[in-house]
Amino acid sequence: MANNQKYDLLRSSAAVVMVPLPLQGHLNQLLHLSRLISNHKIPVHFVSTTTHCRQAKLRVQGWDPLAMDTIHFHELQTPSYVSPTPNPNSTTKFPSHLQPLCEATTQLRHPMASLLRKLSTTTRRLVIIHDSLMGSVIQDFVTIPNSESYTFHSVSAFTILLFTLRTIRKQFQNIIDPKVLTYDHLSFEDCFTSEFKKFMAMQHDFTKLNSGRIYNSCRIMEHPMLDVLEKEEMNRNKKLWAFGPFNPVDIKRTTKRDKGKCYRCLKWLDTQKPNSVIFISFGTTTSLMKEQIAEIAIGLEKSGQKFIWALREADKGDVIIDNIELELPEGYENRIKGRGLVVREWAPQLQILAHQATGGFMSHCGWNSCMESISMGVPIIAWPMHSDQPTNAILVTNILKVGLTIRDWEWRDEIVRAEDVEKTVRILMATKEGVEIRRRAVEMGDRVRDSVREDDVSWLQLESFLAHITR
């Protein structure tokens, strides 16, 4: 056998390179996708900075620990950048303190190009799946003959539809309630800073180089929106796949868990009745004012409902968290003992949502959180803060009808008062209206989880993508 034939046998038919934006909600989704693809015996290379590779691995949930060994992690040297402390008193809820990190990622272009050229020699086809905000970093793949790229969108199809097709709304007025289209936040007003809009526009310009797009969504949830987006891709001779949820869905809603790190909040949930606890978390990019924290605390206390509250400072760009214990009303944790639990360490959100005791989720509506909650059949109290969160909230509450909102976006600059927190929590957890919302959420969760089973819609989408890249 000729040497080149032996070499070809050692090469895989395809290898996948994952390139996430180094923020938690983006890292997490592409790490979950890495597991799905590596399970099909396709080599997967996860590429980020040393700090953020470590962060992604430490925070991932719902996996067999051995599954991590099937993914190749490549740690690029962290570019130099300023990492400001989150400012809860900022005039905008958008996490401007992360802008320097996002800008610094553009410096990864040349080391990324070197890595891609090296990996291209190990496979017949090199497939780059990159965050839509990392387009400039992977742009040199066009100089590698056996490579192709696919843009991953870390947000809902509904958000992308509104963001990219605002000028042709007539095309989808028949599939979305016209009243929804009148909401002011659908214009993305106050969702981003001007600096971040410029960064997005620059990165999105590189999507013209891709061969298609990938969504962490599924036809069960966003069929009409995906149909419109797929038609637009076909018009450009490109492809679209939606094979979410990427997160594991086989975490049983039970008190019995696999061995591993045992969080105190999960132990506490083990002692509670089914659907009796509401989980409160606003993600890794939101910092709340002291006054707002106090109003939430009082509202939860007065609601009379059991709760777990993940109360942490937002991540810094370098992820290093100063041990700042956010202040609560005097004597608060003693008063709620047995009925409420304040978690100041990293909270295992996916495992909390999968627990049978969890009956609701007060959330900022980041897409990662939405997908985890919907896939676990947990209804959402929507409290969007910035970015794509307001549009995700509308999808959850007005289109899928698996949640309710705590306030309209037009009042985004106002403090949410304790009485509003109390009222909304009680509606979801202790009224007939809440029971009906939970019924729809459970039904949706069942259908979404089924979608990734063999021969169902998301499973078929993943199989289609894998067949395409190994063609």
Protein backbone atom coordinates (compact mmCIF):
# COMPACT_ATOMS: atom_id res chain seq x y z
CA MET A 1 0.00 0.00 0.00
CA ALA A 2 1.33 3.39 -0.96
CA ASN A 3 2.35 5.76 1.83
CA ASN A 4 -0.29 8.30 0.86
CA GLN A 5 -3.00 5.57 1.01
CA LYS A 6 -1.87 4.63 4.53
CA TYR A 7 -1.99 8.30 5.46
CA ASP A 8 -5.52 8.65 4.08
CA LEU A 9 -6.69 5.76 6.27
CA LEU A 10 -5.41 7.61 9.32
CA ARG A 11 -7.36 10.72 8.38
CA SER A 12 -10.97 11.18 9.46
CA SER A 13 -13.60 11.91 6.84
CA ALA A 14 -14.44 15.09 8.75
CA ALA A 15 -13.28 16.93 11.85
CA VAL A 16 -15.21 19.71 13.57
CA VAL A 17 -13.71 22.82 15.13
CA MET A 18 -15.91 24.68 17.62
CA VAL A 19 -15.17 28.38 18.04
CA PRO A 20 -17.37 29.98 20.74
CA LEU A 21 -17.51 33.57 21.90
CA PRO A 22 -15.89 33.33 25.37
CA LEU A 23 -19.01 34.23 27.38
CA GLN A 24 -20.78 31.58 29.46
CA GLY A 25 -24.06 31.39 27.51
CA HIS A 26 -22.09 30.94 24.28
CA LEU A 27 -19.41 28.57 25.61
CA ASN A 28 -21.99 26.30 27.20
CA GLN A 29 -24.11 25.81 24.10
CA LEU A 30 -21.20 24.91 21.82
CA LEU A 31 -19.68 22.61 24.43
CA HIS A 32 -22.99 20.72 24.58
CA LEU A 33 -23.01 20.56 20.77
CA SER A 34 -19.44 19.22 20.90
CA ARG A 35 -20.70 16.28 22.95
CA LEU A 36 -23.54 15.56 20.51
CA ILE A 37 -21.18 15.45 17.54
CA SER A 38 -18.33 13.57 19.26
CA ASN A 39 -20.87 10.90 20.25
CA HIS A 40 -20.99 10.08 16.52
CA LYS A 41 -17.25 9.28 16.47
CA ILE A 42 -16.39 12.52 14.67
CA PRO A 43 -13.30 14.32 16.05
CA VAL A 44 -14.28 17.60 17.74
CA HIS A 45 -11.84 20.39 18.63
CA PHE A 46 -13.07 23.03 21.08
CA VAL A 47 -11.03 26.23 20.77
CA SER A 48 -10.97 29.15 23.20
CA THR A 49 -8.63 30.92 25.55
CA THR A 50 -7.07 29.01 28.44
CA THR A 51 -9.28 30.81 30.96
CA HIS A 52 -12.51 30.17 29.10
CA CYS A 53 -11.80 26.54 28.21
CA ARG A 54 -11.35 25.96 31.93
CA GLN A 55 -14.55 27.85 32.68
CA ALA A 56 -16.58 25.84 30.17
CA LYS A 57 -15.36 22.49 31.53
CA LEU A 58 -15.87 23.42 35.18
CA ARG A 59 -19.46 24.62 34.67
CA VAL A 60 -20.83 22.00 32.29
CA GLN A 61 -23.66 19.84 33.70
CA GLY A 62 -25.55 16.66 32.87
CA TRP A 63 -22.65 14.78 31.26
CA ASP A 64 -20.92 11.52 31.88
CA PRO A 65 -17.49 12.83 32.99
CA LEU A 66 -15.81 10.44 30.56
CA ALA A 67 -17.53 12.21 27.64
CA MET A 68 -15.16 15.15 28.12
CA ASP A 69 -12.25 12.92 27.12
CA THR A 70 -13.64 12.57 23.59
CA ILE A 71 -13.28 16.32 22.91
CA HIS A 72 -9.94 17.91 22.07
CA PHE A 73 -9.48 21.26 23.85
CA HIS A 74 -7.16 23.84 22.33
CA GLU A 75 -6.23 26.69 24.64
CA LEU A 76 -5.11 29.84 22.88
CA GLN A 77 -3.11 32.46 24.73
CA THR A 78 -5.43 35.01 26.27
CA PRO A 79 -5.08 38.40 24.57
CA SER A 80 -4.33 41.35 26.83
CA TYR A 81 -7.42 43.34 27.74
CA VAL A 82 -8.93 45.34 30.59
CA SER A 83 -11.46 43.40 32.67
CA PRO A 84 -13.65 45.93 34.48
CA THR A 85 -15.87 45.03 37.41
CA PRO A 86 -19.62 44.80 36.60
CA ASN A 87 -21.47 48.02 37.42
CA PRO A 88 -24.96 47.36 38.85
CA ASN A 89 -25.71 51.10 38.83
CA SER A 90 -25.09 51.55 35.12
CA THR A 91 -27.75 53.43 33.13
CA THR A 92 -28.09 50.36 30.91
CA LYS A 93 -28.47 46.71 31.89
CA PHE A 94 -26.28 45.66 28.94
CA PRO A 95 -22.99 44.22 30.34
CA SER A 96 -20.66 46.87 28.94
CA HIS A 97 -17.90 45.54 31.19
CA LEU A 98 -17.58 42.58 28.78
CA GLN A 99 -16.98 44.77 25.72
CA PRO A 100 -13.15 44.73 26.15
CA LEU A 101 -13.17 40.91 26.16
CA CYS A 102 -15.29 40.78 23.01
CA GLU A 103 -12.99 43.25 21.28
CA ALA A 104 -9.92 41.28 22.41
CA THR A 105 -11.18 38.10 20.72
CA THR A 106 -10.37 39.66 17.34
CA GLN A 107 -6.69 39.25 18.26
CA LEU A 108 -7.15 35.46 18.06
CA ARG A 109 -7.35 35.53 14.25
CA HIS A 110 -3.73 34.58 13.50
CA PRO A 111 -3.30 31.83 16.12
CA MET A 112 -6.67 30.45 15.00
CA ALA A 113 -5.54 30.42 11.36
CA SER A 114 -2.38 28.52 12.33
CA LEU A 115 -4.42 25.95 14.25
CA LEU A 116 -6.91 25.50 11.40
CA ARG A 117 -4.12 24.92 8.89
CA LYS A 118 -2.56 22.30 11.18
CA LEU A 119 -5.87 20.50 11.78
CA SER A 120 -6.73 20.55 8.08
CA THR A 121 -3.91 18.06 7.43
CA THR A 122 -5.55 15.48 9.73
CA THR A 123 -8.90 15.23 7.97
CA ARG A 124 -10.51 15.10 4.56
CA ARG A 125 -12.87 17.95 5.46
CA LEU A 126 -12.37 20.54 8.19
CA VAL A 127 -15.69 21.89 9.43
CA ILE A 128 -15.66 25.09 11.48
CA ILE A 129 -18.73 25.82 13.59
CA HIS A 130 -18.28 29.31 14.92
CA ASP A 131 -20.29 31.70 17.01
CA SER A 132 -21.84 34.43 14.88
CA LEU A 133 -19.74 36.91 16.89
CA MET A 134 -16.45 35.18 16.02
CA GLY A 135 -16.63 35.58 12.25
CA SER A 136 -13.51 37.72 11.99
CA VAL A 137 -11.50 35.20 14.02
CA ILE A 138 -12.07 32.27 11.63
CA GLN A 139 -12.08 34.23 8.36
CA ASP A 140 -8.80 32.74 7.11
CA PHE A 141 -10.43 29.33 6.67
CA VAL A 142 -11.13 30.47 3.08
CA THR A 143 -7.42 29.93 2.31
CA ILE A 144 -7.67 26.25 3.33
CA PRO A 145 -8.97 24.17 0.39
CA ASN A 146 -10.63 21.41 2.45
CA SER A 147 -12.43 23.65 4.97
CA GLU A 148 -15.91 25.11 5.27
CA SER A 149 -17.68 27.10 7.97
CA TYR A 150 -21.13 27.19 9.58
CA THR A 151 -22.41 30.08 11.65
CA PHE A 152 -23.91 29.18 15.01
CA HIS A 153 -26.53 31.52 16.42
CA SER A 154 -26.66 31.46 20.23
CA VAL A 155 -30.13 33.05 20.23
CA SER A 156 -33.64 32.03 19.18
CA ALA A 157 -34.73 31.81 15.56
CA PHE A 158 -37.44 34.34 16.49
CA THR A 159 -34.76 36.84 17.49
CA ILE A 160 -32.77 36.33 14.29
CA LEU A 161 -35.93 36.61 12.23
CA LEU A 162 -36.76 39.97 13.75
CA PHE A 163 -33.16 41.17 13.71
CA THR A 164 -32.31 40.29 10.12
CA LEU A 165 -35.67 40.54 8.39
CA ARG A 166 -37.17 43.67 9.92
CA THR A 167 -37.68 45.15 6.49
CA ILE A 168 -39.84 42.29 5.22
CA ARG A 169 -42.22 41.75 8.14
CA LYS A 170 -45.13 41.16 5.77
CA GLN A 171 -43.64 37.75 5.02
CA PHE A 172 -44.30 36.51 8.53
CA GLN A 173 -47.28 38.55 9.72
CA ASN A 174 -49.46 35.52 8.95
CA ILE A 175 -47.50 33.26 11.29
CA ILE A 176 -47.06 35.63 14.23
CA ASP A 177 -49.81 37.53 16.03
CA PRO A 178 -49.73 41.08 14.60
CA LYS A 179 -50.07 42.43 18.15
CA VAL A 180 -46.70 40.88 18.98
CA LEU A 181 -45.06 42.83 16.17
CA THR A 182 -46.15 46.15 17.68
CA TYR A 183 -44.14 45.76 20.89
CA ASP A 184 -41.47 48.43 21.04
CA HIS A 185 -38.66 46.10 22.08
CA LEU A 186 -38.95 44.17 18.83
CA SER A 187 -36.99 47.06 17.36
CA PHE A 188 -34.23 46.11 19.85
CA GLU A 189 -34.44 49.53 21.48
CA ASP A 190 -32.06 49.76 24.47
CA CYS A 191 -31.07 46.10 24.08
CA PHE A 192 -27.45 46.85 23.11
CA THR A 193 -24.95 49.65 23.47
CA SER A 194 -23.84 51.48 20.34
CA GLU A 195 -20.34 50.00 20.80
CA PHE A 196 -21.64 46.46 20.83
CA LYS A 197 -23.87 47.11 17.81
CA LYS A 198 -20.75 48.10 15.87
CA PHE A 199 -18.97 44.93 17.04
CA MET A 200 -21.93 42.77 15.99
CA ALA A 201 -22.19 44.41 12.58
CA MET A 202 -18.50 43.85 11.93
CA GLN A 203 -18.68 40.17 12.92
CA HIS A 204 -21.92 39.47 11.07
CA ASP A 205 -20.35 40.78 7.86
CA PHE A 206 -18.31 37.57 7.72
CA THR A 207 -21.41 35.34 7.51
CA LYS A 208 -21.22 35.76 3.73
CA LEU A 209 -18.31 33.32 3.84
CA ASN A 210 -20.25 30.49 5.47
CA SER A 211 -22.03 27.47 3.98
CA GLY A 212 -25.02 27.65 6.31
CA ARG A 213 -26.36 28.29 9.79
CA ILE A 214 -27.02 26.24 12.92
CA TYR A 215 -29.57 26.96 15.65
CA ASN A 216 -29.95 25.59 19.16
CA SER A 217 -33.68 25.36 18.59
CA CYS A 218 -36.16 22.87 17.18
CA ARG A 219 -39.17 22.73 14.90
CA ILE A 220 -41.39 21.86 17.86
CA MET A 221 -40.81 25.37 19.23
CA GLU A 222 -40.02 27.57 16.25
CA HIS A 223 -41.28 25.85 13.12
CA PRO A 224 -42.73 28.96 11.38
CA MET A 225 -39.70 31.12 12.13
CA LEU A 226 -37.24 28.45 10.99
CA ASP A 227 -39.21 27.94 7.77
CA VAL A 228 -38.83 31.62 6.86
CA LEU A 229 -35.13 31.65 7.76
CA GLU A 230 -34.50 28.41 5.86
CA LYS A 231 -36.12 29.86 2.75
CA GLU A 232 -33.81 32.89 2.98
CA GLU A 233 -30.79 30.57 3.25
CA MET A 234 -31.92 28.52 0.26
CA ASN A 235 -32.21 31.71 -1.77
CA ARG A 236 -28.49 32.19 -1.09
CA ASN A 237 -27.75 28.54 -1.93
CA LYS A 238 -26.96 27.82 1.71
CA LYS A 239 -28.34 25.45 4.33
CA LEU A 240 -29.94 25.69 7.77
CA TRP A 241 -30.22 23.17 10.58
CA ALA A 242 -31.97 23.34 13.95
CA PHE A 243 -31.23 20.31 16.11
CA GLY A 244 -31.65 21.66 19.62
CA PRO A 245 -31.85 21.30 22.49
CA PHE A 246 -28.10 20.82 22.70
CA ASN A 247 -28.18 20.35 26.47
CA PRO A 248 -28.71 16.81 27.83
CA VAL A 249 -32.41 16.00 28.15
CA ASP A 250 -32.14 12.61 29.84
CA ILE A 251 -31.66 14.08 33.31
CA LYS A 252 -34.52 12.49 35.21
CA ARG A 253 -36.84 14.73 37.22
CA THR A 254 -36.19 12.66 40.30
CA THR A 255 -34.44 12.87 43.63
CA LYS A 256 -32.00 10.11 42.64
CA ARG A 257 -28.89 11.45 40.98
CA ASP A 258 -25.68 10.00 39.63
CA LYS A 259 -22.63 10.19 41.81
CA GLY A 260 -20.60 13.35 41.44
CA LYS A 261 -20.39 16.77 42.99
CA CYS A 262 -23.31 17.09 45.38
CA TYR A 263 -24.54 20.65 45.66
CA ARG A 264 -26.32 21.68 48.86
CA CYS A 265 -29.17 23.19 46.84
CA LEU A 266 -29.86 19.79 45.24
CA LYS A 267 -29.86 18.15 48.67
CA TRP A 268 -32.36 20.77 49.81
CA LEU A 269 -34.55 20.15 46.75
CA ASP A 270 -34.57 16.44 47.61
CA THR A 271 -36.61 17.29 50.71
CA GLN A 272 -39.28 19.32 48.86
CA LYS A 273 -42.56 18.31 47.23
CA PRO A 274 -42.89 18.10 43.42
CA ASN A 275 -43.36 21.45 41.63
CA SER A 276 -43.22 23.35 44.93
CA VAL A 277 -40.05 25.44 44.44
CA ILE A 278 -39.34 28.40 42.18
CA PHE A 279 -35.78 28.93 41.01
CA ILE A 280 -34.54 32.52 40.56
CA SER A 281 -31.47 33.28 38.46
CA PHE A 282 -30.58 36.13 36.11
CA GLY A 283 -27.58 34.57 34.40
CA THR A 284 -23.90 35.40 34.31
CA THR A 285 -24.01 38.88 32.74
CA THR A 286 -26.58 40.69 34.91
CA SER A 287 -25.73 42.81 37.94
CA LEU A 288 -28.60 44.07 40.07
CA MET A 289 -28.76 47.29 42.08
CA LYS A 290 -28.93 46.96 45.86
CA GLU A 291 -32.46 48.38 45.83
CA GLN A 292 -33.59 45.81 43.28
CA ILE A 293 -32.08 42.95 45.26
CA ALA A 294 -33.96 44.13 48.35
CA GLU A 295 -37.27 44.32 46.45
CA ILE A 296 -36.83 40.78 45.10
CA ALA A 297 -35.97 39.49 48.57
CA ILE A 298 -39.06 41.05 50.16
CA GLY A 299 -41.32 39.90 47.32
CA LEU A 300 -40.12 36.30 47.57
CA GLU A 301 -40.54 36.34 51.33
CA LYS A 302 -44.08 37.71 51.15
CA SER A 303 -45.13 35.31 48.40
CA GLY A 304 -45.15 32.43 50.86
CA GLN A 305 -43.63 30.16 48.22
CA LYS A 306 -40.53 28.02 48.49
CA PHE A 307 -37.58 29.19 46.43
CA ILE A 308 -33.91 28.84 45.49
CA TRP A 309 -32.25 32.12 44.56
CA ALA A 310 -28.88 32.14 42.78
CA LEU A 311 -27.50 35.48 43.96
CA ARG A 312 -24.07 36.19 42.49
CA GLU A 313 -22.19 39.04 40.93
CA ALA A 314 -21.99 38.94 37.13
CA ASP A 315 -18.94 37.32 35.54
CA LYS A 316 -16.02 39.57 34.72
CA GLY A 317 -14.35 39.22 31.35
CA ASP A 318 -11.56 37.13 32.88
CA VAL A 319 -14.18 35.19 34.94
CA ILE A 320 -12.34 35.91 38.16
CA ILE A 321 -15.06 36.76 40.67
CA ASP A 322 -14.23 38.86 43.66
CA ASN A 323 -15.86 37.31 46.69
CA ILE A 324 -18.42 40.06 47.08
CA GLU A 325 -21.39 38.88 49.13
CA LEU A 326 -24.36 40.79 47.80
CA GLU A 327 -26.29 42.42 50.62
CA LEU A 328 -29.75 41.22 51.69
CA PRO A 329 -32.16 42.78 54.24
CA GLU A 330 -30.98 42.29 57.82
CA GLY A 331 -31.91 38.88 59.21
CA TYR A 332 -33.36 37.78 55.88
CA GLU A 333 -31.74 34.37 55.55
CA ASN A 334 -32.73 33.45 59.09
CA ARG A 335 -36.36 34.42 58.42
CA ILE A 336 -36.61 32.32 55.26
CA LYS A 337 -34.75 29.30 56.65
CA GLY A 338 -36.53 26.11 55.62
CA ARG A 339 -38.62 27.87 52.97
CA GLY A 340 -36.00 29.62 50.91
CA LEU A 341 -32.37 29.06 50.02
CA VAL A 342 -29.95 31.74 48.80
CA VAL A 343 -27.12 30.20 46.73
CA ARG A 344 -24.06 32.42 46.45
CA GLU A 345 -21.77 29.87 44.81
CA TRP A 346 -22.11 28.55 41.25
CA ALA A 347 -25.59 27.04 40.92
CA PRO A 348 -26.08 23.88 38.81
CA GLN A 349 -28.95 25.38 36.82
CA LEU A 350 -29.66 22.45 34.50
CA GLN A 351 -29.82 20.01 37.41
CA ILE A 352 -32.05 22.36 39.39
CA LEU A 353 -34.44 22.72 36.47
CA ALA A 354 -34.45 18.95 35.98
CA HIS A 355 -35.38 18.28 39.60
CA GLN A 356 -38.95 17.20 40.28
CA ALA A 357 -39.30 19.75 43.09
CA THR A 358 -38.72 22.69 40.72
CA GLY A 359 -42.01 24.14 39.49
CA GLY A 360 -40.98 27.51 38.07
CA PHE A 361 -38.05 29.61 36.92
CA MET A 362 -37.74 33.40 37.26
CA SER A 363 -35.26 34.15 34.50
CA HIS A 364 -33.60 36.88 32.45
CA CYS A 365 -34.52 34.79 29.38
CA GLY A 366 -31.06 34.29 27.95
CA TRP A 367 -31.50 31.68 25.23
CA ASN A 368 -29.39 29.08 27.02
CA SER A 369 -31.65 29.40 30.08
CA CYS A 370 -34.81 29.34 27.94
CA MET A 371 -33.77 26.13 26.19
CA GLU A 372 -32.82 24.43 29.44
CA SER A 373 -36.07 25.43 31.13
CA ILE A 374 -38.31 24.54 28.18
CA SER A 375 -36.58 21.20 27.62
CA MET A 376 -37.15 20.34 31.28
CA GLY A 377 -40.81 21.38 31.16
CA VAL A 378 -40.43 24.23 33.67
CA PRO A 379 -42.54 27.40 33.14
CA ILE A 380 -40.77 30.75 33.12
CA ILE A 381 -41.38 34.11 34.79
CA ALA A 382 -39.75 36.35 32.19
CA TRP A 383 -37.65 39.28 33.38
CA PRO A 384 -35.48 40.30 30.39
CA MET A 385 -32.55 42.63 30.95
CA HIS A 386 -30.77 43.21 27.61
CA SER A 387 -29.61 41.76 24.26
CA ASP A 388 -31.90 39.07 22.81
CA GLN A 389 -33.65 38.52 26.14
CA PRO A 390 -36.71 40.74 25.47
CA THR A 391 -37.51 38.94 22.22
CA ASN A 392 -36.96 35.56 23.88
CA ALA A 393 -39.40 36.64 26.59
CA ILE A 394 -42.07 37.37 23.98
CA LEU A 395 -41.48 33.95 22.39
CA VAL A 396 -41.85 32.24 25.78
CA THR A 397 -44.89 34.16 27.00
CA ASN A 398 -46.88 35.23 23.93
CA ILE A 399 -46.08 32.60 21.31
CA LEU A 400 -45.22 29.38 23.15
CA LYS A 401 -47.34 30.44 26.15
CA VAL A 402 -45.15 28.58 28.66
CA GLY A 403 -44.53 31.55 30.93
CA LEU A 404 -45.63 34.95 32.07
CA THR A 405 -43.88 38.29 32.29
CA ILE A 406 -43.13 40.21 35.45
CA ARG A 407 -43.21 43.58 33.63
CA ASP A 408 -43.50 45.00 30.13
CA TRP A 409 -40.30 46.07 28.42
CA GLU A 410 -41.51 49.67 28.21
CA TRP A 411 -40.97 49.89 32.00
CA ARG A 412 -37.41 48.52 31.75
CA ASP A 413 -35.86 51.53 33.49
CA GLU A 414 -38.07 51.17 36.58
CA ILE A 415 -37.34 49.15 39.70
CA VAL A 416 -39.57 46.06 39.91
CA ARG A 417 -41.27 46.37 43.28
CA ALA A 418 -41.72 43.67 45.90
CA GLU A 419 -45.48 43.53 45.36
CA ASP A 420 -44.96 42.71 41.67
CA VAL A 421 -42.50 39.95 42.53
CA GLU A 422 -44.90 38.58 45.15
CA LYS A 423 -47.90 38.73 42.78
CA THR A 424 -46.18 37.09 39.82
CA VAL A 425 -44.64 34.29 41.88
CA ARG A 426 -48.01 33.53 43.45
CA ILE A 427 -49.75 33.47 40.07
CA LEU A 428 -47.31 30.89 38.72
CA MET A 429 -46.94 28.76 41.83
CA ALA A 430 -50.33 28.97 43.55
CA THR A 431 -53.20 29.71 41.13
CA LYS A 432 -55.21 27.90 38.45
CA GLU A 433 -53.63 30.16 35.86
CA GLY A 434 -50.21 28.94 36.98
CA VAL A 435 -51.35 25.32 36.82
CA GLU A 436 -52.43 25.83 33.21
CA ILE A 437 -49.13 27.51 32.27
CA ARG A 438 -47.26 24.63 33.90
CA ARG A 439 -49.38 22.08 32.02
CA ARG A 440 -48.41 23.71 28.71
CA ALA A 441 -44.74 23.88 29.77
CA VAL A 442 -44.69 20.19 30.74
CA GLU A 443 -46.35 19.25 27.45
CA MET A 444 -43.87 21.37 25.50
CA GLY A 445 -40.96 19.87 27.46
CA ASP A 446 -42.12 16.34 26.66
CA ARG A 447 -42.32 17.14 22.95
CA VAL A 448 -38.96 18.93 22.90
CA ARG A 449 -37.23 16.04 24.69
CA ASP A 450 -38.84 13.58 22.30
CA SER A 451 -37.53 15.60 19.35
CA VAL A 452 -33.96 14.42 19.99
CA ARG A 453 -34.97 10.75 20.12
CA GLU A 454 -34.18 8.50 17.18
CA ASP A 455 -36.18 9.35 14.02
CA ASP A 456 -37.77 12.45 15.56
CA VAL A 457 -37.38 15.96 14.16
CA SER A 458 -34.23 17.24 15.92
CA TRP A 459 -32.54 13.84 15.67
CA LEU A 460 -33.17 13.85 11.92
CA GLN A 461 -31.79 17.40 11.63
CA LEU A 462 -28.57 16.37 13.39
CA GLU A 463 -28.28 13.28 11.20
CA SER A 464 -28.77 15.48 8.13
CA PHE A 465 -25.99 17.83 9.24
CA LEU A 466 -23.59 14.97 10.01
CA ALA A 467 -24.31 13.32 6.67
CA HIS A 468 -23.66 16.66 4.95
CA ILE A 469 -20.27 17.31 6.56
CA THR A 470 -19.07 13.72 6.01
CA ARG A 471 -20.31 13.58 2.39
